[in-house]
N, C-alpha and C. Protein backbone atom coordinates (compact mmCIF):
# COMPACT_ATOMS: atom_id res chain seq x y z
N MET A 1 -5.51 43.38 -74.64
CA MET A 1 -4.10 43.16 -74.96
C MET A 1 -3.15 44.30 -74.72
N ARG A 2 -3.31 45.33 -74.76
CA ARG A 2 -2.56 46.41 -74.16
C ARG A 2 -2.20 46.20 -72.76
N LEU A 3 -3.53 46.07 -71.98
CA LEU A 3 -3.29 45.91 -70.72
C LEU A 3 -2.68 44.83 -69.98
N PHE A 4 -2.63 43.47 -70.73
CA PHE A 4 -1.91 42.48 -70.56
C PHE A 4 -0.13 42.88 -70.70
N ARG A 5 0.14 43.63 -71.78
CA ARG A 5 1.47 43.60 -72.02
C ARG A 5 1.87 45.08 -70.75
N SER A 6 1.12 45.90 -70.93
CA SER A 6 1.76 47.04 -69.44
C SER A 6 1.98 46.05 -68.32
N PHE A 7 1.16 45.04 -67.79
CA PHE A 7 1.05 44.41 -66.42
C PHE A 7 2.22 43.84 -66.57
N ILE A 8 2.62 42.71 -67.71
CA ILE A 8 3.86 42.07 -67.67
C ILE A 8 5.05 42.98 -67.82
N ARG A 9 5.20 44.18 -68.04
CA ARG A 9 6.27 44.97 -68.13
C ARG A 9 6.47 45.84 -66.82
N ASP A 10 5.48 45.91 -65.90
CA ASP A 10 5.25 46.64 -64.65
C ASP A 10 6.36 45.83 -63.62
N ARG A 11 7.34 46.29 -63.20
CA ARG A 11 8.35 45.16 -62.21
C ARG A 11 8.47 46.06 -60.73
N LYS A 12 7.10 46.87 -60.26
CA LYS A 12 7.12 47.50 -59.31
C LYS A 12 7.01 46.40 -58.22
N GLY A 13 6.42 45.22 -57.94
CA GLY A 13 6.51 44.52 -56.87
C GLY A 13 7.36 43.26 -57.13
N SER A 14 8.13 43.24 -57.92
CA SER A 14 9.06 42.12 -58.14
C SER A 14 9.86 41.81 -57.12
N ALA A 15 10.66 42.79 -56.45
CA ALA A 15 11.07 42.69 -55.07
C ALA A 15 10.64 41.89 -53.88
N ALA A 16 9.23 42.33 -53.49
CA ALA A 16 8.59 41.94 -52.64
C ALA A 16 8.13 40.47 -53.12
N ILE A 17 8.13 40.03 -54.42
CA ILE A 17 7.87 38.72 -54.63
C ILE A 17 9.15 37.82 -54.24
N GLU A 18 10.08 38.01 -54.81
CA GLU A 18 11.11 37.78 -54.59
C GLU A 18 11.81 37.51 -53.30
N PHE A 19 11.28 38.36 -52.34
CA PHE A 19 11.76 38.34 -50.78
C PHE A 19 10.71 37.26 -50.52
N ALA A 20 9.46 37.27 -50.93
CA ALA A 20 8.46 36.29 -49.86
C ALA A 20 8.72 34.89 -50.59
N ILE A 21 9.49 34.75 -51.69
CA ILE A 21 9.91 33.14 -52.16
C ILE A 21 11.19 32.73 -51.39
N LEU A 22 12.09 33.77 -51.13
CA LEU A 22 13.14 33.40 -50.36
C LEU A 22 13.26 33.54 -48.86
N ALA A 23 12.36 34.03 -48.43
CA ALA A 23 12.09 34.39 -47.18
C ALA A 23 12.25 33.00 -46.05
N LEU A 24 11.20 32.25 -46.47
CA LEU A 24 10.89 31.18 -45.80
C LEU A 24 12.17 30.11 -45.77
N PRO A 25 12.76 29.58 -46.83
CA PRO A 25 13.90 28.93 -46.59
C PRO A 25 15.09 29.42 -46.08
N PHE A 26 15.20 30.89 -46.18
CA PHE A 26 16.41 31.72 -45.36
C PHE A 26 16.11 31.62 -43.71
N MET A 27 14.83 31.75 -43.50
CA MET A 27 14.48 31.69 -41.75
C MET A 27 14.32 30.28 -41.49
N VAL A 28 14.05 29.28 -42.22
CA VAL A 28 14.54 27.89 -41.70
C VAL A 28 15.97 27.58 -41.36
N ILE A 29 16.56 28.11 -42.40
CA ILE A 29 18.19 27.62 -42.26
C ILE A 29 18.74 28.54 -41.00
N ILE A 30 18.22 29.79 -40.98
CA ILE A 30 18.88 30.52 -39.83
C ILE A 30 18.11 29.69 -38.38
N PHE A 31 17.29 29.52 -38.03
CA PHE A 31 16.50 28.66 -37.23
C PHE A 31 17.25 27.35 -36.95
N ALA A 32 17.73 26.54 -37.69
CA ALA A 32 18.01 25.29 -37.61
C ALA A 32 19.64 25.67 -37.19
N ILE A 33 20.35 26.70 -37.63
CA ILE A 33 21.75 26.54 -37.13
C ILE A 33 21.77 27.39 -35.73
N ILE A 34 20.82 28.03 -35.19
CA ILE A 34 20.40 28.63 -33.86
C ILE A 34 20.43 27.13 -33.14
N GLU A 35 19.53 26.68 -33.85
CA GLU A 35 19.31 24.97 -32.93
C GLU A 35 20.16 24.28 -32.59
N ILE A 36 20.94 23.87 -33.53
CA ILE A 36 22.21 23.04 -33.55
C ILE A 36 23.38 23.77 -32.79
N ALA A 37 23.48 24.76 -32.73
CA ALA A 37 24.41 25.70 -32.05
C ALA A 37 23.97 25.56 -30.42
N ALA A 38 22.61 25.64 -30.26
CA ALA A 38 22.23 25.59 -28.67
C ALA A 38 22.36 23.95 -28.24
N MET A 39 22.24 23.19 -29.19
CA MET A 39 22.42 21.83 -29.01
C MET A 39 23.49 21.45 -28.62
N PHE A 40 24.98 21.70 -29.46
CA PHE A 40 26.25 21.59 -29.26
C PHE A 40 26.74 22.41 -28.09
N PHE A 41 26.18 23.51 -27.67
CA PHE A 41 26.41 24.33 -26.38
C PHE A 41 26.01 23.44 -25.23
N VAL A 42 25.06 22.89 -25.34
CA VAL A 42 24.41 22.01 -24.22
C VAL A 42 25.43 20.71 -23.99
N ASP A 43 25.67 20.25 -25.07
CA ASP A 43 26.42 19.07 -25.43
C ASP A 43 27.91 19.52 -24.69
N SER A 44 28.48 20.40 -25.12
CA SER A 44 29.73 20.72 -24.63
C SER A 44 29.75 21.17 -22.85
N GLY A 45 28.66 21.53 -22.67
CA GLY A 45 28.50 21.85 -21.30
C GLY A 45 28.30 20.53 -20.59
N LEU A 46 27.43 19.79 -20.83
CA LEU A 46 27.42 18.44 -20.14
C LEU A 46 28.60 17.73 -20.20
N ASP A 47 29.76 17.65 -21.21
CA ASP A 47 31.20 17.42 -21.31
C ASP A 47 31.88 18.08 -20.03
N ALA A 48 32.03 19.40 -20.15
CA ALA A 48 32.49 19.86 -18.89
C ALA A 48 31.92 19.59 -17.59
N ALA A 49 30.71 19.62 -17.63
CA ALA A 49 30.15 19.37 -16.09
C ALA A 49 30.64 18.04 -15.74
N LEU A 50 30.34 17.03 -16.69
CA LEU A 50 30.83 15.59 -16.28
C LEU A 50 32.28 15.49 -15.74
N HIS A 51 33.01 16.21 -16.79
CA HIS A 51 34.59 16.27 -16.09
C HIS A 51 34.93 16.77 -14.76
N LYS A 52 33.83 18.11 -14.66
CA LYS A 52 34.29 18.56 -13.21
C LYS A 52 33.94 17.71 -12.02
N THR A 53 32.66 17.20 -12.35
CA THR A 53 32.15 16.20 -11.28
C THR A 53 32.87 14.83 -11.00
N VAL A 54 33.28 14.39 -12.04
CA VAL A 54 34.34 13.16 -12.01
C VAL A 54 35.69 13.31 -11.16
N ARG A 55 36.11 14.73 -11.19
CA ARG A 55 37.18 14.92 -10.30
C ARG A 55 36.81 14.72 -9.01
N GLN A 56 35.57 14.94 -8.58
CA GLN A 56 35.46 14.50 -7.24
C GLN A 56 35.43 13.07 -6.84
N VAL A 57 34.82 12.13 -7.85
CA VAL A 57 35.16 10.66 -7.74
C VAL A 57 36.68 10.48 -7.76
N ARG A 58 37.52 11.10 -8.38
CA ARG A 58 38.95 10.49 -8.76
C ARG A 58 39.97 11.08 -7.67
N VAL A 59 39.33 11.94 -6.99
CA VAL A 59 40.25 12.35 -5.73
C VAL A 59 39.67 11.77 -4.44
N GLY A 60 38.48 10.90 -4.42
CA GLY A 60 38.01 10.59 -3.29
C GLY A 60 37.06 11.10 -2.61
N THR A 61 36.40 12.37 -3.02
CA THR A 61 35.68 13.17 -1.97
C THR A 61 34.35 12.47 -2.24
N ALA A 62 33.87 12.02 -3.52
CA ALA A 62 32.60 11.27 -3.67
C ALA A 62 32.66 9.86 -3.06
N LYS A 63 33.47 9.24 -2.77
CA LYS A 63 33.68 7.97 -1.93
C LYS A 63 33.62 8.30 -0.40
N SER A 64 34.51 9.43 -0.05
CA SER A 64 34.36 9.80 1.41
C SER A 64 33.09 10.41 1.91
N GLY A 65 32.53 11.19 1.07
CA GLY A 65 31.21 11.56 1.20
C GLY A 65 30.02 10.55 1.08
N ALA A 66 30.30 9.31 0.51
CA ALA A 66 29.29 8.47 0.37
C ALA A 66 28.32 8.86 -0.50
N TRP A 67 28.65 9.39 -1.54
CA TRP A 67 27.54 9.96 -2.59
C TRP A 67 26.80 8.92 -3.23
N THR A 68 25.39 9.40 -3.39
CA THR A 68 24.79 8.78 -4.12
C THR A 68 24.73 9.03 -5.56
N ILE A 69 23.85 8.28 -6.31
CA ILE A 69 23.60 8.48 -7.86
C ILE A 69 23.03 9.89 -7.97
N ALA A 70 21.80 9.99 -7.00
CA ALA A 70 21.13 11.40 -6.82
C ALA A 70 22.09 12.65 -6.84
N GLU A 71 23.06 12.19 -5.79
CA GLU A 71 24.09 13.46 -5.39
C GLU A 71 24.85 13.62 -6.61
N PHE A 72 25.27 12.66 -7.25
CA PHE A 72 26.35 12.79 -8.40
C PHE A 72 25.49 13.71 -9.60
N LYS A 73 24.32 13.19 -9.93
CA LYS A 73 23.59 13.79 -11.11
C LYS A 73 23.23 15.19 -10.55
N ASN A 74 23.00 15.55 -9.25
CA ASN A 74 22.52 16.88 -8.96
C ASN A 74 24.18 17.71 -9.22
N SER A 75 25.01 17.07 -8.79
CA SER A 75 26.42 18.05 -9.23
C SER A 75 26.46 18.03 -10.75
N ILE A 76 26.33 17.25 -11.47
CA ILE A 76 26.51 17.46 -13.02
C ILE A 76 25.54 18.65 -13.56
N CYS A 77 24.11 18.28 -12.96
CA CYS A 77 23.18 19.37 -13.34
C CYS A 77 23.42 20.95 -12.92
N SER A 78 24.00 20.98 -11.63
CA SER A 78 24.46 22.28 -10.90
C SER A 78 25.53 22.74 -11.89
N GLU A 79 26.45 22.04 -12.40
CA GLU A 79 27.38 22.65 -13.23
C GLU A 79 27.18 23.16 -14.70
N LEU A 80 25.85 22.51 -15.27
CA LEU A 80 25.12 22.96 -16.45
C LEU A 80 24.67 24.31 -16.38
N SER A 81 24.99 25.07 -17.14
CA SER A 81 24.64 26.48 -17.11
C SER A 81 23.23 26.74 -18.36
N TYR A 82 23.10 25.77 -18.99
CA TYR A 82 21.86 26.08 -19.73
C TYR A 82 21.25 24.43 -20.12
N SER A 83 20.22 24.21 -19.49
CA SER A 83 19.66 22.68 -19.69
C SER A 83 18.43 22.76 -19.18
N PHE A 84 17.53 22.06 -19.75
CA PHE A 84 16.17 22.03 -19.43
C PHE A 84 16.00 20.86 -18.92
N SER A 85 15.43 20.57 -17.86
CA SER A 85 14.86 19.38 -17.18
C SER A 85 16.01 18.32 -17.01
N CYS A 86 17.17 18.79 -16.60
CA CYS A 86 18.53 18.02 -16.45
C CYS A 86 18.09 16.86 -15.39
N ALA A 87 17.68 17.03 -14.31
CA ALA A 87 17.52 16.41 -13.25
C ALA A 87 16.47 15.28 -13.68
N ALA A 88 15.71 15.43 -14.46
CA ALA A 88 14.64 14.51 -14.99
C ALA A 88 15.11 13.50 -16.00
N ASN A 89 15.83 14.17 -16.72
CA ASN A 89 16.32 13.50 -18.03
C ASN A 89 17.66 12.90 -18.17
N LEU A 90 18.62 13.29 -16.97
CA LEU A 90 19.98 12.81 -16.89
C LEU A 90 20.17 11.44 -16.56
N LYS A 91 20.86 10.79 -17.23
CA LYS A 91 20.92 9.09 -16.79
C LYS A 91 22.55 8.85 -16.75
N VAL A 92 23.05 8.32 -15.61
CA VAL A 92 24.51 8.24 -15.34
C VAL A 92 24.87 6.58 -15.38
N ARG A 93 25.82 6.37 -16.07
CA ARG A 93 26.31 4.88 -15.62
C ARG A 93 27.64 5.06 -15.10
N ALA A 94 28.12 4.38 -14.02
CA ALA A 94 29.35 4.64 -13.50
C ALA A 94 29.73 3.17 -13.12
N THR A 95 30.55 2.70 -13.84
CA THR A 95 31.20 1.29 -13.73
C THR A 95 32.95 1.04 -13.42
N VAL A 96 33.31 0.22 -12.64
CA VAL A 96 34.45 -0.12 -12.77
C VAL A 96 34.90 -0.85 -13.61
N ILE A 97 36.23 -0.57 -14.38
CA ILE A 97 36.69 -1.42 -15.44
C ILE A 97 37.85 -2.44 -14.94
N THR A 98 37.47 -3.80 -15.44
CA THR A 98 38.68 -4.60 -14.68
C THR A 98 40.05 -4.82 -16.22
N SER A 99 39.21 -4.80 -17.08
CA SER A 99 40.49 -4.85 -18.44
C SER A 99 40.04 -3.84 -19.07
N MET A 100 40.86 -3.17 -19.95
CA MET A 100 40.34 -2.31 -20.99
C MET A 100 39.74 -3.05 -22.29
N SER A 101 40.23 -4.48 -22.18
CA SER A 101 39.15 -4.83 -23.46
C SER A 101 37.92 -5.30 -23.15
N SER A 102 37.48 -5.05 -21.85
CA SER A 102 35.90 -5.14 -21.60
C SER A 102 35.13 -3.80 -21.59
N VAL A 103 35.83 -2.94 -21.89
CA VAL A 103 35.10 -1.61 -22.35
C VAL A 103 34.48 -1.58 -23.60
N ALA A 104 32.92 -1.36 -23.46
CA ALA A 104 32.24 -1.44 -24.50
C ALA A 104 31.16 -0.41 -24.53
N ARG A 105 31.00 -0.01 -25.93
CA ARG A 105 30.33 1.20 -26.18
C ARG A 105 28.71 0.90 -25.58
N THR A 106 28.09 1.71 -24.49
CA THR A 106 26.73 1.68 -24.31
C THR A 106 25.86 2.82 -25.14
N SER A 107 25.06 1.93 -25.86
CA SER A 107 23.92 2.87 -26.47
C SER A 107 22.84 3.26 -25.51
N PRO A 108 22.66 4.57 -25.78
CA PRO A 108 21.32 5.02 -24.65
C PRO A 108 20.07 4.85 -25.51
N ILE A 109 20.15 4.52 -26.82
CA ILE A 109 18.85 4.18 -27.59
C ILE A 109 18.57 2.69 -27.90
N VAL A 110 17.62 2.24 -27.65
CA VAL A 110 17.41 0.72 -27.66
C VAL A 110 16.00 0.66 -28.27
N ASN A 111 16.01 0.22 -29.51
CA ASN A 111 14.72 0.06 -30.37
C ASN A 111 14.22 1.37 -30.30
N GLY A 112 14.53 2.48 -30.66
CA GLY A 112 13.98 3.83 -30.63
C GLY A 112 13.59 4.60 -29.22
N THR A 113 14.06 3.96 -28.28
CA THR A 113 13.57 4.33 -27.11
C THR A 113 14.76 4.79 -26.01
N TYR A 114 14.63 5.75 -25.15
CA TYR A 114 15.56 6.38 -24.55
C TYR A 114 15.73 5.14 -23.22
N ASN A 115 16.85 4.44 -23.43
CA ASN A 115 16.59 3.34 -22.28
C ASN A 115 18.28 3.05 -21.81
N VAL A 116 18.43 3.64 -20.69
CA VAL A 116 19.69 3.66 -20.09
C VAL A 116 19.49 2.92 -18.55
N THR A 117 20.42 1.92 -18.26
CA THR A 117 20.42 0.93 -17.06
C THR A 117 21.42 1.72 -16.18
N GLU A 118 20.89 2.71 -15.46
CA GLU A 118 21.82 3.30 -14.43
C GLU A 118 22.59 2.83 -13.48
N ASP A 119 23.79 2.85 -13.13
CA ASP A 119 24.58 2.19 -12.29
C ASP A 119 25.54 3.36 -11.85
N PHE A 120 26.08 2.80 -10.56
CA PHE A 120 26.86 3.99 -9.95
C PHE A 120 28.03 3.14 -8.86
N ASN A 121 28.84 2.75 -9.71
CA ASN A 121 30.06 1.88 -8.79
C ASN A 121 31.15 3.11 -9.00
N ILE A 122 31.65 3.73 -8.11
CA ILE A 122 32.84 4.45 -8.36
C ILE A 122 34.16 3.81 -7.89
N GLY A 123 33.78 2.63 -7.29
CA GLY A 123 35.36 2.05 -7.06
C GLY A 123 36.03 2.19 -6.08
N ASP A 124 37.44 1.69 -5.81
CA ASP A 124 38.11 2.29 -4.68
C ASP A 124 39.67 2.71 -5.25
N SER A 125 40.24 2.96 -4.52
CA SER A 125 41.72 3.63 -4.80
C SER A 125 42.27 2.64 -5.70
N GLY A 126 42.62 3.36 -7.07
CA GLY A 126 43.43 2.57 -8.07
C GLY A 126 42.41 1.91 -9.17
N ASP A 127 41.14 2.07 -9.11
CA ASP A 127 40.52 1.41 -9.82
C ASP A 127 40.36 2.27 -11.02
N TYR A 128 40.19 1.31 -12.46
CA TYR A 128 39.67 2.22 -13.38
C TYR A 128 38.31 2.35 -13.42
N VAL A 129 37.81 3.63 -13.85
CA VAL A 129 36.29 3.83 -13.68
C VAL A 129 35.87 4.35 -15.17
N LEU A 130 34.85 4.09 -15.59
CA LEU A 130 34.08 4.44 -16.83
C LEU A 130 32.96 5.33 -16.36
N VAL A 131 32.76 6.50 -16.38
CA VAL A 131 31.45 7.23 -16.10
C VAL A 131 30.71 7.74 -17.58
N GLN A 132 29.78 7.35 -17.73
CA GLN A 132 29.10 7.64 -18.88
C GLN A 132 28.07 8.73 -18.68
N ALA A 133 27.38 9.69 -19.22
CA ALA A 133 26.32 10.34 -18.70
C ALA A 133 25.52 10.58 -20.16
N PHE A 134 24.34 10.56 -20.22
CA PHE A 134 23.42 10.88 -21.15
C PHE A 134 22.31 11.74 -20.83
N LEU A 135 22.02 12.73 -21.80
CA LEU A 135 20.91 13.90 -21.72
C LEU A 135 20.21 14.02 -22.83
N THR A 136 18.76 13.84 -22.65
CA THR A 136 17.90 14.07 -23.89
C THR A 136 18.11 15.53 -24.24
N TRP A 137 17.74 15.80 -25.42
CA TRP A 137 17.45 17.16 -25.80
C TRP A 137 16.04 17.41 -26.81
N ASP A 138 15.23 18.24 -26.46
CA ASP A 138 14.35 18.59 -27.39
C ASP A 138 14.46 19.57 -28.37
N PRO A 139 14.33 19.49 -29.40
CA PRO A 139 14.76 20.35 -30.56
C PRO A 139 13.44 21.26 -30.36
N VAL A 140 13.52 22.51 -30.69
CA VAL A 140 12.49 23.37 -30.92
C VAL A 140 11.85 23.25 -32.11
N LEU A 141 12.73 23.09 -33.33
CA LEU A 141 12.07 22.91 -34.72
C LEU A 141 12.79 21.59 -35.09
N LYS A 142 11.75 20.87 -35.32
CA LYS A 142 12.08 19.10 -35.49
C LYS A 142 12.15 19.43 -37.10
N LEU A 143 12.97 20.07 -37.83
CA LEU A 143 13.01 20.26 -39.16
C LEU A 143 13.93 19.16 -39.65
N TYR A 144 15.22 19.23 -39.17
CA TYR A 144 16.21 17.98 -39.81
C TYR A 144 16.05 16.72 -39.00
N THR A 145 16.02 15.72 -39.88
CA THR A 145 15.64 14.35 -39.37
C THR A 145 16.88 13.41 -39.39
N PHE A 146 17.95 14.09 -40.02
CA PHE A 146 19.14 13.11 -40.43
C PHE A 146 19.96 12.72 -39.56
N ALA A 147 20.26 13.06 -38.44
CA ALA A 147 21.03 12.82 -37.61
C ALA A 147 20.65 11.67 -36.70
N GLY A 148 21.96 10.87 -36.61
CA GLY A 148 21.49 9.76 -35.50
C GLY A 148 21.44 10.22 -33.99
N GLY A 149 21.24 9.14 -33.46
CA GLY A 149 21.07 9.31 -31.82
C GLY A 149 19.65 10.08 -31.46
N ARG A 150 18.69 9.71 -32.46
CA ARG A 150 17.27 10.40 -32.09
C ARG A 150 16.33 9.21 -31.69
N VAL A 151 15.63 9.60 -30.66
CA VAL A 151 14.49 8.63 -30.07
C VAL A 151 13.22 8.91 -30.96
N ASN A 152 12.18 7.70 -30.76
CA ASN A 152 11.42 7.99 -31.67
C ASN A 152 10.28 9.02 -31.47
N ASP A 153 10.45 9.92 -30.41
CA ASP A 153 9.66 10.58 -30.34
C ASP A 153 10.00 12.42 -30.63
N GLY A 154 11.31 12.08 -31.12
CA GLY A 154 12.19 13.12 -31.68
C GLY A 154 13.13 13.93 -31.08
N ARG A 155 13.13 13.31 -29.96
CA ARG A 155 14.34 13.86 -29.14
C ARG A 155 15.76 13.33 -29.27
N TYR A 156 16.95 14.00 -29.27
CA TYR A 156 17.99 13.60 -29.40
C TYR A 156 18.78 13.54 -28.06
N VAL A 157 19.68 12.53 -28.26
CA VAL A 157 20.25 11.80 -26.68
C VAL A 157 21.80 12.53 -26.89
N LEU A 158 22.34 13.41 -26.14
CA LEU A 158 23.39 13.87 -25.93
C LEU A 158 24.36 13.07 -24.76
N GLY A 159 25.72 12.90 -25.14
CA GLY A 159 26.35 12.26 -24.21
C GLY A 159 27.77 12.61 -23.94
N ALA A 160 28.15 12.08 -22.93
CA ALA A 160 29.71 12.49 -22.28
C ALA A 160 30.10 11.21 -21.61
N ALA A 161 31.52 11.13 -21.75
CA ALA A 161 32.24 10.07 -20.82
C ALA A 161 33.62 10.27 -20.44
N GLU A 162 33.83 9.75 -19.42
CA GLU A 162 35.20 9.95 -18.73
C GLU A 162 35.78 8.57 -18.30
N LEU A 163 36.81 8.18 -18.76
CA LEU A 163 37.55 6.96 -18.47
C LEU A 163 38.93 7.47 -17.50
N PHE A 164 38.93 7.27 -16.46
CA PHE A 164 39.83 7.29 -15.53
C PHE A 164 40.62 6.56 -14.54
N LYS A 165 41.81 6.68 -14.15
CA LYS A 165 41.90 5.92 -12.70
C LYS A 165 41.90 6.70 -11.20
N ASN A 166 41.19 6.10 -10.29
CA ASN A 166 41.03 6.59 -9.02
C ASN A 166 42.38 6.89 -8.43
N GLU A 167 42.78 8.12 -7.93
CA GLU A 167 43.99 8.47 -7.37
C GLU A 167 43.93 7.77 -5.79
N PRO A 168 44.81 7.66 -5.40
CA PRO A 168 45.23 6.82 -4.01
C PRO A 168 44.19 7.80 -3.12
N PHE A 169 43.64 7.15 -2.30
CA PHE A 169 42.82 8.01 -1.27
C PHE A 169 42.55 7.40 0.10
């Protein structure tokens, strides 16, 4: 009985036990914050890369250079500073808009699969053009499953869009 009471009063390892209990949730939260920050960094980079590449379409450089969809995608991927397998996973839709009421949201996820029908119509001088770019993101830690924009295999789909009027060229 005396041994049991002395064991209960002994507080030498309590800090180690408390750390062991709290360390795992703390590390999970830290890694989730880093993962989400990296995903938002790539998403904002995709937005900036699309904006910079679309400028070549708007001023007529892409039209005069007879750019293909592959050249357009390579231009976007070269502007991204941090992305894994951009060339393989990037999907692009460029369509001429005839009226603003015809602009519709394109969902890159159909029945849980990454499915984008690519199109590359950059129009002529004075045309309104909607360019959308979608890129999959593979999370390192698949701990947070509450967000939308997920494919059945656990990847997220990042997107960027630009709507503009071509300048006279």
